[in-house]
N, C-alpha and C. Protein backbone atom coordinates (compact mmCIF):
# COMPACT_ATOMS: atom_id res chain seq x y z
N MET A 1 155.58 26.28 167.09
CA MET A 1 156.24 27.54 166.48
C MET A 1 155.48 28.44 166.90
N THR A 2 153.75 27.23 166.89
CA THR A 2 152.43 28.63 167.06
C THR A 2 152.38 28.88 168.57
N ARG A 3 153.07 28.08 169.25
CA ARG A 3 153.17 28.35 171.03
C ARG A 3 154.40 30.11 170.87
N ALA A 4 155.23 29.84 170.48
CA ALA A 4 156.51 30.81 169.89
C ALA A 4 155.70 32.32 169.88
N ALA A 5 154.94 32.37 168.26
CA ALA A 5 154.41 33.37 168.14
C ALA A 5 153.05 33.92 169.32
N LEU A 6 152.06 33.18 169.64
CA LEU A 6 151.46 33.22 170.60
C LEU A 6 151.98 34.48 171.69
N PHE A 7 153.30 33.88 172.71
CA PHE A 7 154.16 34.30 174.08
C PHE A 7 154.41 35.34 173.31
N THR A 8 154.96 36.03 172.36
CA THR A 8 155.21 37.27 171.66
C THR A 8 154.21 37.98 171.37
N LEU A 9 153.22 37.56 170.36
CA LEU A 9 152.11 38.69 170.66
C LEU A 9 151.54 38.67 171.90
N ALA A 10 151.54 38.45 172.90
CA ALA A 10 151.19 38.50 174.40
C ALA A 10 151.71 39.39 174.63
N ALA A 11 153.33 39.25 174.98
CA ALA A 11 154.24 39.82 175.65
C ALA A 11 153.95 41.28 174.98
N VAL A 12 153.80 41.00 173.50
CA VAL A 12 153.81 43.02 172.84
C VAL A 12 152.47 43.51 173.69
N VAL A 13 151.22 42.92 174.01
CA VAL A 13 150.82 43.65 174.22
C VAL A 13 151.05 44.26 175.34
N LEU A 14 151.65 42.51 176.03
CA LEU A 14 151.11 43.47 177.81
C LEU A 14 152.67 44.18 177.58
N VAL A 15 154.08 44.38 176.82
CA VAL A 15 154.17 46.49 176.23
C VAL A 15 153.32 47.35 176.53
N LEU A 16 153.00 47.40 175.20
CA LEU A 16 151.53 48.22 174.50
C LEU A 16 150.88 48.70 175.60
N PHE A 17 150.55 47.52 177.11
CA PHE A 17 149.58 48.17 177.57
C PHE A 17 150.94 49.03 178.69
N ALA A 18 151.71 48.29 179.35
CA ALA A 18 152.18 49.10 180.34
C ALA A 18 152.59 51.01 179.59
N LEU A 19 152.85 51.12 177.63
CA LEU A 19 153.49 52.17 177.87
C LEU A 19 152.22 53.16 178.07
N SER A 20 151.43 52.46 178.08
CA SER A 20 149.77 53.21 178.01
C SER A 20 149.29 53.72 178.94
N LEU A 21 150.33 53.37 180.14
CA LEU A 21 150.09 53.37 181.80
C LEU A 21 150.86 55.13 182.10
N LEU A 22 151.72 54.74 181.30
CA LEU A 22 152.78 56.21 181.30
C LEU A 22 152.17 57.55 181.71
N PRO A 23 152.36 58.07 182.15
CA PRO A 23 152.03 59.32 181.81
C PRO A 23 152.98 60.11 180.37
N ASP A 24 152.26 61.21 180.69
CA ASP A 24 152.16 61.42 178.68
C ASP A 24 152.84 62.85 179.21
N ARG A 25 154.46 62.82 178.68
CA ARG A 25 155.49 63.09 178.40
C ARG A 25 155.83 64.56 177.66
N ARG A 26 154.65 65.01 176.99
CA ARG A 26 154.53 66.34 176.11
C ARG A 26 153.55 67.41 176.99
N PRO A 27 154.66 68.03 176.54
CA PRO A 27 154.33 69.51 177.34
C PRO A 27 152.68 69.60 177.34
N ASP A 28 152.72 71.11 178.52
CA ASP A 28 151.47 71.32 177.38
C ASP A 28 151.32 73.03 176.70
N LEU A 29 150.51 72.75 175.75
CA LEU A 29 150.94 73.70 174.82
C LEU A 29 149.92 74.98 175.38
N PRO A 30 150.88 75.85 174.78
CA PRO A 30 150.02 77.74 175.41
C PRO A 30 148.65 78.02 175.02
N ASP A 31 148.37 78.83 174.98
CA ASP A 31 146.53 79.36 174.47
C ASP A 31 146.97 79.43 173.05
N ALA A 32 146.42 78.86 172.29
CA ALA A 32 146.50 79.48 170.73
C ALA A 32 145.90 80.27 170.95
N THR A 33 145.05 81.64 171.81
CA THR A 33 144.73 82.38 170.90
C THR A 33 145.58 83.28 171.08
N ILE A 34 145.75 84.97 170.46
CA ILE A 34 147.37 85.49 169.51
C ILE A 34 146.39 87.14 170.48
N ALA A 35 146.73 87.38 171.85
CA ALA A 35 147.26 88.24 171.77
C ALA A 35 147.66 90.50 171.32
N LEU A 36 146.85 91.16 171.53
CA LEU A 36 147.69 92.71 170.90
C LEU A 36 147.25 93.18 171.40
N THR A 37 148.10 94.44 171.72
CA THR A 37 147.57 96.03 172.61
C THR A 37 147.60 96.70 171.34
N ASP A 38 147.46 98.09 171.65
CA ASP A 38 146.79 98.62 169.96
C ASP A 38 146.98 98.62 168.68
N ALA A 39 146.39 97.23 168.35
CA ALA A 39 146.62 96.82 167.21
C ALA A 39 144.98 97.68 165.67
N ARG A 40 146.50 97.80 164.30
CA ARG A 40 145.20 98.95 163.89
C ARG A 40 144.61 97.24 163.26
N VAL A 41 143.33 96.91 162.76
CA VAL A 41 143.31 95.61 161.48
C VAL A 41 141.98 95.83 160.51
N VAL A 42 142.30 95.33 159.32
CA VAL A 42 142.13 96.25 157.85
C VAL A 42 141.27 94.30 157.38
N LEU A 43 140.19 94.40 157.04
CA LEU A 43 139.28 93.25 157.00
C LEU A 43 139.30 93.96 155.22
N LEU A 44 139.55 92.88 154.55
CA LEU A 44 139.12 93.23 153.17
C LEU A 44 137.94 92.00 152.90
N PRO A 45 136.61 92.35 152.76
CA PRO A 45 136.15 90.98 152.52
C PRO A 45 135.82 90.32 150.99
N GLU A 46 136.32 89.34 151.28
CA GLU A 46 136.33 88.48 149.55
C GLU A 46 134.95 88.54 148.99
N ALA A 47 133.67 89.37 149.96
CA ALA A 47 131.96 89.03 149.88
C ALA A 47 132.10 90.21 148.84
N ASP A 48 133.02 91.07 149.38
CA ASP A 48 132.24 92.77 148.90
C ASP A 48 133.96 93.77 149.24
N PRO A 49 134.77 93.09 147.58
CA PRO A 49 136.12 93.41 147.00
C PRO A 49 136.17 94.76 147.11
N ALA A 50 134.96 96.19 147.02
CA ALA A 50 135.41 96.92 146.76
C ALA A 50 135.73 97.65 147.89
N ALA A 51 135.43 96.94 148.75
CA ALA A 51 135.26 97.33 150.31
C ALA A 51 136.31 97.26 151.15
N VAL A 52 137.00 98.00 152.12
CA VAL A 52 138.02 98.44 152.66
C VAL A 52 137.33 98.62 154.00
N TRP A 53 137.89 97.76 155.13
CA TRP A 53 136.64 97.40 156.50
C TRP A 53 138.66 98.38 157.62
N THR A 54 138.80 99.00 158.65
CA THR A 54 139.65 99.37 159.12
C THR A 54 139.22 99.63 160.68
N PHE A 55 140.08 98.83 161.84
CA PHE A 55 140.06 98.38 163.01
C PHE A 55 140.33 99.66 163.97
N SER A 56 140.74 100.10 164.53
CA SER A 56 142.19 100.66 166.20
C SER A 56 141.42 100.08 167.36
N ALA A 57 142.73 99.05 167.50
CA ALA A 57 141.65 98.52 169.44
C ALA A 57 142.35 98.60 170.09
N PRO A 58 142.20 99.29 171.75
CA PRO A 58 143.85 99.09 172.08
C PRO A 58 143.97 97.54 172.18
N THR A 59 142.93 96.27 172.40
CA THR A 59 143.11 94.81 172.93
C THR A 59 142.13 94.26 171.55
N ALA A 60 143.18 94.15 170.87
CA ALA A 60 142.57 92.19 169.98
C ALA A 60 143.32 91.53 170.83
N ARG A 61 142.31 89.94 170.21
CA ARG A 61 142.46 88.90 170.21
C ARG A 61 141.78 87.79 168.74
N PHE A 62 142.73 87.48 168.60
CA PHE A 62 142.77 86.31 167.49
C PHE A 62 143.08 85.15 167.68
N ASP A 63 141.84 84.10 167.21
CA ASP A 63 141.62 82.89 167.41
C ASP A 63 141.80 82.16 166.53
N PRO A 64 142.67 81.23 165.94
CA PRO A 64 143.19 80.64 165.12
C PRO A 64 142.29 79.48 164.50
N GLU A 65 142.42 78.56 165.40
CA GLU A 65 140.34 77.21 165.85
C GLU A 65 139.56 77.99 165.85
N ARG A 66 139.10 78.35 165.89
CA ARG A 66 137.28 79.40 165.78
C ARG A 66 137.62 80.36 164.47
N ASP A 67 139.04 81.00 163.89
CA ASP A 67 139.33 82.05 163.18
C ASP A 67 138.54 83.65 163.28
N THR A 68 139.23 83.85 164.24
CA THR A 68 137.97 84.54 164.63
C THR A 68 138.18 85.92 165.26
N THR A 69 138.62 87.14 164.99
CA THR A 69 139.41 88.13 165.74
C THR A 69 138.06 88.64 166.46
N GLU A 70 137.77 89.21 167.67
CA GLU A 70 138.26 89.68 169.39
C GLU A 70 138.40 91.08 169.02
N MET A 71 138.07 92.68 169.18
CA MET A 71 138.87 93.86 169.63
C MET A 71 137.23 93.91 170.76
N PHE A 72 138.67 94.83 171.09
CA PHE A 72 137.67 95.35 172.74
C PHE A 72 137.59 97.01 171.75
N GLY A 73 136.76 98.40 172.19
CA GLY A 73 137.25 99.68 172.49
C GLY A 73 137.38 99.87 170.76
N VAL A 74 136.44 99.74 170.28
CA VAL A 74 136.67 100.27 168.88
C VAL A 74 136.21 101.91 169.04
N ASP A 75 136.57 102.57 168.62
CA ASP A 75 136.59 104.08 168.11
C ASP A 75 136.73 104.25 167.18
N ASP A 76 137.32 103.72 166.27
CA ASP A 76 137.33 104.77 164.86
C ASP A 76 137.67 103.54 164.26
N GLY A 77 136.64 103.19 163.43
CA GLY A 77 136.33 101.71 162.75
C GLY A 77 136.07 102.61 161.52
N GLU A 78 136.26 102.03 159.93
CA GLU A 78 135.48 103.06 159.36
C GLU A 78 135.67 102.14 157.58
N ARG A 79 134.70 101.64 156.95
CA ARG A 79 134.36 101.68 155.87
C ARG A 79 134.42 102.73 154.46
N ARG A 80 135.56 101.69 153.20
CA ARG A 80 134.97 102.37 152.59
C ARG A 80 135.47 101.75 150.87
N VAL A 81 134.41 102.29 150.23
CA VAL A 81 134.31 101.83 149.44
C VAL A 81 134.86 102.91 147.97
N ASP A 82 135.76 102.19 147.39
CA ASP A 82 136.30 102.14 146.01
C ASP A 82 137.27 103.47 146.28
N GLY A 83 138.22 103.57 147.99
CA GLY A 83 138.61 104.24 148.37
C GLY A 83 137.74 105.74 149.52
N VAL A 84 136.47 105.33 148.79
CA VAL A 84 135.49 106.42 149.62
C VAL A 84 134.87 106.71 150.78
N LEU A 85 135.47 107.77 151.11
CA LEU A 85 134.77 106.91 153.11
C LEU A 85 133.48 106.99 153.08
N ASP A 86 132.41 105.32 153.54
CA ASP A 86 131.51 105.61 153.72
C ASP A 86 130.71 105.84 154.62
N PHE A 87 131.19 104.94 156.28
CA PHE A 87 130.50 105.10 156.91
C PHE A 87 131.67 104.95 157.90
N THR A 88 131.35 105.55 159.31
CA THR A 88 132.77 105.46 160.29
C THR A 88 131.29 104.22 161.45
N LEU A 89 132.06 104.07 162.29
CA LEU A 89 132.08 102.50 163.89
C LEU A 89 132.31 102.64 164.83
N ARG A 90 132.04 102.75 166.16
CA ARG A 90 131.77 102.43 167.41
C ARG A 90 131.19 101.08 167.54
N ALA A 91 132.29 100.47 168.61
CA ALA A 91 131.69 100.10 169.43
C ALA A 91 132.94 99.40 169.87
N GLU A 92 132.42 98.77 171.91
CA GLU A 92 132.95 98.12 172.16
C GLU A 92 133.10 97.07 172.34
N ARG A 93 132.85 95.89 171.45
CA ARG A 93 133.13 94.51 171.87
C ARG A 93 132.21 94.12 170.62
N LEU A 94 133.49 94.20 169.10
CA LEU A 94 133.26 93.75 168.00
C LEU A 94 134.13 91.72 167.60
N VAL A 95 133.34 91.49 166.45
CA VAL A 95 134.07 90.01 166.62
C VAL A 95 134.51 89.59 164.93
N ILE A 96 135.18 89.49 164.09
CA ILE A 96 134.44 89.35 163.50
C ILE A 96 134.83 87.36 163.00
N ASP A 97 133.97 87.57 162.31
CA ASP A 97 133.42 85.79 162.23
C ASP A 97 135.25 84.97 161.30
N ARG A 98 134.27 84.25 160.79
CA ARG A 98 135.58 83.22 159.91
C ARG A 98 134.56 83.45 158.00
N ARG A 99 133.58 84.72 158.47
CA ARG A 99 132.95 85.04 157.17
C ARG A 99 133.24 86.35 156.53
N ASP A 100 134.65 86.57 157.82
CA ASP A 100 133.86 87.87 157.33
C ASP A 100 132.79 89.03 158.08
N ASP A 101 131.80 88.24 158.50
CA ASP A 101 130.89 88.60 159.12
C ASP A 101 131.89 89.20 160.59
N LEU A 102 130.98 91.01 161.06
CA LEU A 102 131.18 91.35 162.02
C LEU A 102 130.22 90.71 163.07
N ILE A 103 130.01 90.72 164.36
CA ILE A 103 128.76 90.44 165.23
C ILE A 103 129.57 91.31 166.61
N ALA A 104 127.79 91.87 167.05
CA ALA A 104 128.57 93.06 168.07
C ALA A 104 126.99 92.97 168.78
N GLU A 105 127.21 93.48 170.45
CA GLU A 105 126.14 93.30 171.24
C GLU A 105 125.02 95.05 171.19
N ARG A 106 126.50 95.58 170.67
CA ARG A 106 125.72 97.69 170.19
C ARG A 106 127.13 97.74 168.95
N ILE A 107 126.74 98.34 167.89
CA ILE A 107 126.85 99.06 167.01
C ILE A 107 126.35 100.43 166.70
N GLU A 108 127.95 101.71 167.37
CA GLU A 108 127.42 103.33 166.02
C GLU A 108 127.62 103.85 165.17
N LEU A 109 126.94 104.02 163.99
CA LEU A 109 127.66 104.25 162.80
C LEU A 109 127.29 105.29 162.51
N HIS A 110 128.61 106.48 161.98
CA HIS A 110 128.00 107.30 161.17
C HIS A 110 128.19 107.66 159.79
N LEU A 111 126.75 107.90 159.34
CA LEU A 111 126.96 107.71 157.13
C LEU A 111 127.60 109.04 157.33
N VAL A 112 128.95 109.14 156.85
CA VAL A 112 129.36 110.78 155.67
C VAL A 112 128.59 110.56 154.77
N ALA A 113 127.69 109.95 153.92
CA ALA A 113 127.44 111.20 152.58
C ALA A 113 126.20 111.56 153.15
N ASP A 114 124.86 110.85 154.12
CA ASP A 114 123.49 111.43 154.63
C ASP A 114 123.63 112.14 156.42
N ASP A 115 124.99 112.11 156.82
CA ASP A 115 124.99 113.14 158.22
C ASP A 115 123.88 112.27 159.23
N TRP A 116 124.61 110.75 159.23
CA TRP A 116 122.80 110.48 159.71
C TRP A 116 123.50 109.41 160.76
N ASP A 117 122.58 109.48 161.70
CA ASP A 117 123.91 109.08 163.46
C ASP A 117 123.61 107.49 163.17
N VAL A 118 123.60 106.61 163.04
CA VAL A 118 122.43 105.10 163.78
C VAL A 118 122.86 103.80 164.87
N THR A 119 122.52 103.92 166.02
CA THR A 119 122.83 103.18 166.36
C THR A 119 121.89 102.32 166.67
N MET A 120 122.78 100.77 166.83
CA MET A 120 122.46 99.26 166.22
C MET A 120 122.74 98.48 167.71
N GLU A 121 121.84 97.72 168.09
CA GLU A 121 121.78 97.15 169.36
C GLU A 121 121.00 96.20 169.14
N GLY A 122 121.83 95.06 169.21
CA GLY A 122 121.12 93.46 169.90
C GLY A 122 120.08 93.65 171.17
N ARG A 123 119.22 92.33 170.97
CA ARG A 123 118.12 91.80 171.93
C ARG A 123 118.06 91.03 172.44
N GLU A 124 117.46 90.25 173.58
CA GLU A 124 116.60 88.49 173.57
C GLU A 124 118.07 88.40 173.35
N GLY A 125 119.79 88.91 173.44
CA GLY A 125 120.62 87.22 173.13
C GLY A 125 120.58 87.69 171.43
N ARG A 126 120.26 88.26 171.33
CA ARG A 126 120.67 88.31 170.15
C ARG A 126 121.67 88.95 169.23
N ASN A 127 122.27 89.52 169.29
CA ASN A 127 123.28 90.35 168.10
C ASN A 127 123.19 91.15 167.28
N VAL A 128 123.99 92.34 166.76
CA VAL A 128 123.69 93.14 165.63
C VAL A 128 124.76 91.73 164.58
N LEU A 129 124.27 92.01 163.88
CA LEU A 129 125.25 90.75 162.93
C LEU A 129 124.37 91.98 160.95
N VAL A 130 126.68 92.48 161.26
CA VAL A 130 126.77 92.45 159.33
C VAL A 130 127.35 91.65 158.47
N ARG A 131 126.41 91.58 157.76
CA ARG A 131 127.39 89.93 157.19
C ARG A 131 127.18 90.68 155.40
N GLN A 132 129.05 90.33 155.08
CA GLN A 132 129.51 90.29 153.97
C GLN A 132 128.99 89.76 152.65
N ASP A 133 128.60 88.75 152.88
CA ASP A 133 127.99 88.41 152.26
C ASP A 133 126.49 88.94 151.05
N VAL A 134 125.36 89.27 152.19
CA VAL A 134 125.06 90.22 151.13
C VAL A 134 124.67 90.93 151.34
N GLY A 135 125.72 91.89 151.44
CA GLY A 135 125.68 93.09 152.15
C GLY A 135 125.31 94.02 152.80
N ARG A 136 124.70 93.47 153.88
CA ARG A 136 123.46 94.47 154.93
C ARG A 136 123.54 94.07 156.71
N PHE A 137 122.84 94.78 157.16
CA PHE A 137 123.32 95.23 158.51
C PHE A 137 121.99 94.38 158.79
N GLU A 138 122.18 93.44 159.10
CA GLU A 138 120.57 92.40 160.62
C GLU A 138 120.83 92.55 162.10
N VAL A 139 119.99 93.55 162.15
CA VAL A 139 119.41 94.36 163.27
C VAL A 139 118.61 94.09 164.34
N PRO A 140 119.14 93.22 164.90
CA PRO A 140 117.25 93.24 166.99
C PRO A 140 116.10 94.94 167.04
N HIS A 141 117.64 95.82 166.86
CA HIS A 141 116.93 97.25 167.52
C HIS A 141 117.90 98.25 166.93
N VAL A 142 116.77 99.70 166.21
CA VAL A 142 117.56 100.47 165.26
C VAL A 142 116.84 101.65 165.77
N GLU A 143 118.52 102.29 166.04
CA GLU A 143 117.95 104.00 166.10
C GLU A 143 118.44 104.80 165.09
N ILE A 144 117.81 105.45 163.91
CA ILE A 144 118.98 106.40 162.29
C ILE A 144 118.42 107.69 163.89
N THR A 145 119.09 108.32 163.59
CA THR A 145 118.46 110.42 163.04
C THR A 145 119.51 111.30 162.42
N GLY A 146 119.34 112.36 161.97
CA GLY A 146 119.57 112.87 161.60
C GLY A 146 118.54 113.86 160.39
N GLU A 147 118.96 114.98 159.53
CA GLU A 147 118.48 115.20 158.42
C GLU A 147 117.98 115.50 157.39
N GLY A 148 116.68 114.96 157.42
CA GLY A 148 115.82 114.70 156.22
C GLY A 148 115.72 113.72 156.85
N ILE A 149 115.80 112.20 158.39
CA ILE A 149 114.92 111.59 158.76
C ILE A 149 113.93 112.25 159.74
N GLY A 150 114.82 113.11 160.92
CA GLY A 150 114.10 112.40 162.14
C GLY A 150 115.14 112.08 163.10
N ARG A 151 114.69 111.33 163.99
CA ARG A 151 114.44 109.96 165.02
C ARG A 151 113.84 109.22 164.48
N SER A 152 113.94 108.46 163.55
CA SER A 152 113.50 106.66 163.61
C SER A 152 113.57 105.47 164.48
N VAL A 153 113.17 104.67 164.81
CA VAL A 153 112.63 103.51 165.94
C VAL A 153 112.94 102.73 164.82
N TYR A 154 113.58 101.01 165.67
CA TYR A 154 112.60 100.08 163.68
C TYR A 154 113.54 99.57 165.14
N GLN A 155 112.44 97.71 165.13
CA GLN A 155 112.99 97.03 165.67
C GLN A 155 113.26 95.35 164.03
N ASP A 156 113.01 94.46 164.86
CA ASP A 156 114.16 93.72 163.92
C ASP A 156 114.00 94.43 162.20
N MET A 157 115.62 94.46 161.72
CA MET A 157 115.93 95.43 160.59
C MET A 157 116.19 95.06 159.85
N ARG A 158 116.48 94.88 158.51
CA ARG A 158 117.18 94.55 157.76
C ARG A 158 117.89 95.37 157.03
N ILE A 159 119.02 95.65 156.94
CA ILE A 159 119.42 97.25 156.19
C ILE A 159 120.46 97.18 155.35
N SER A 160 120.52 97.74 154.06
CA SER A 160 121.55 97.35 153.09
C SER A 160 123.20 97.98 153.41
N PHE A 161 123.86 98.14 152.93
CA PHE A 161 124.54 98.89 153.71
C PHE A 161 124.89 100.13 153.24
N ASP A 162 123.87 100.49 151.77
CA ASP A 162 124.53 101.67 151.65
C ASP A 162 122.83 102.21 151.62
N PHE A 163 121.97 101.70 152.72
CA PHE A 163 120.23 102.33 153.03
C PHE A 163 119.77 102.94 151.73
N THR A 164 120.19 102.31 151.18
CA THR A 164 118.63 102.09 149.91
C THR A 164 117.36 100.81 150.59
N ASP A 165 118.00 100.23 150.71
CA ASP A 165 116.90 98.51 150.45
C ASP A 165 116.81 98.19 152.23
N PHE A 166 115.70 98.19 152.38
CA PHE A 166 115.04 97.31 154.50
C PHE A 166 114.19 97.27 153.90
N GLN A 167 114.38 96.04 155.53
CA GLN A 167 113.77 95.95 155.51
C GLN A 167 113.10 95.35 157.12
N ALA A 168 111.59 95.95 157.32
CA ALA A 168 111.49 96.35 159.14
C ALA A 168 110.43 94.61 160.37
N GLY A 169 110.57 94.73 160.97
CA GLY A 169 108.51 94.32 161.83
C GLY A 169 109.34 92.31 161.92
N GLY A 170 107.64 92.91 161.93
CA GLY A 170 107.31 91.37 162.13
C GLY A 170 106.68 90.78 163.30
N PRO A 171 105.81 90.11 163.19
CA PRO A 171 104.52 89.80 164.81
C PRO A 171 104.92 90.72 165.66
N GLY A 172 104.90 91.64 166.53
CA GLY A 172 104.64 92.05 167.52
C GLY A 172 105.68 93.07 168.00
N THR A 173 106.51 93.90 166.58
CA THR A 173 107.93 94.85 166.60
C THR A 173 106.91 95.87 166.21
N VAL A 174 107.76 97.35 167.12
CA VAL A 174 107.59 98.90 166.91
C VAL A 174 108.78 99.20 165.92
N GLY A 175 108.17 99.87 164.71
CA GLY A 175 108.37 100.84 163.63
C GLY A 175 108.22 102.22 164.12
N THR A 176 108.79 103.55 165.01
CA THR A 176 108.22 104.59 164.79
C THR A 176 108.92 106.05 163.64
N SER A 177 108.40 106.53 162.84
CA SER A 177 109.62 107.63 162.70
C SER A 177 108.84 109.63 163.28
N ALA A 178 110.00 109.92 163.43
CA ALA A 178 108.89 111.30 163.76
C ALA A 178 110.62 112.49 162.89
N PHE A 179 109.49 112.96 162.14
CA PHE A 179 110.28 114.01 161.05
C PHE A 179 109.71 115.76 160.90
N VAL A 180 110.50 116.32 160.37
CA VAL A 180 109.81 118.05 160.20
C VAL A 180 109.37 117.39 158.39
N ALA A 181 108.78 118.32 158.40
CA ALA A 181 108.31 118.64 156.82
C ALA A 181 108.80 119.36 156.26
N ASP A 182 108.79 120.36 155.43
CA ASP A 182 109.45 121.85 155.02
C ASP A 182 107.84 121.89 154.20
N VAL A 183 106.25 122.78 154.97
CA VAL A 183 105.92 122.88 153.80
C VAL A 183 105.78 124.26 153.76
N ARG A 184 105.05 124.35 152.62
CA ARG A 184 105.14 126.04 151.05
C ARG A 184 103.79 125.27 150.90
N ALA A 185 103.11 126.95 151.02
CA ALA A 185 102.19 127.48 150.91
C ALA A 185 102.24 127.35 149.20
N PRO A 186 101.21 127.16 148.64
CA PRO A 186 101.09 126.66 147.36
C PRO A 186 100.81 128.22 146.73
């Protein structure tokens, strides 16, 4: 009896070993990335429920494994808060990650209420990061131009979406502002 069980076990092991040597007959799975052309993407960030972001891009890709959307050639992005246009946005390449944050090497904004133009750029391998969870831009290099602010350049800047709270600088960074003051005689 023991001998028969031992032979049966050896036969099963031998058959399983032979099956493991056979080629895999499963078909190759296609790339999981979904590619779109002339895409319109709407982002409703969970962390900022009053905001609606929209983007149009000639090319967009969604990667379900990484849960990211990558858009190329965004020329007419915008952010609306409670239906009111807050700012417009342009970027050559823009990524929306799994937390709804935006990541880009360069983002150009136009703040509608203040009529300011803001150019945000990555530096030294660090990208521009738009953090939805705290309502803030994190920018290695930023240039702001417009009425009342002139031209300002800052490094390592963290700016709230409404531009009322900001921090810039750190060791070895530069910040400059040039503006025209309306001086009136007493």
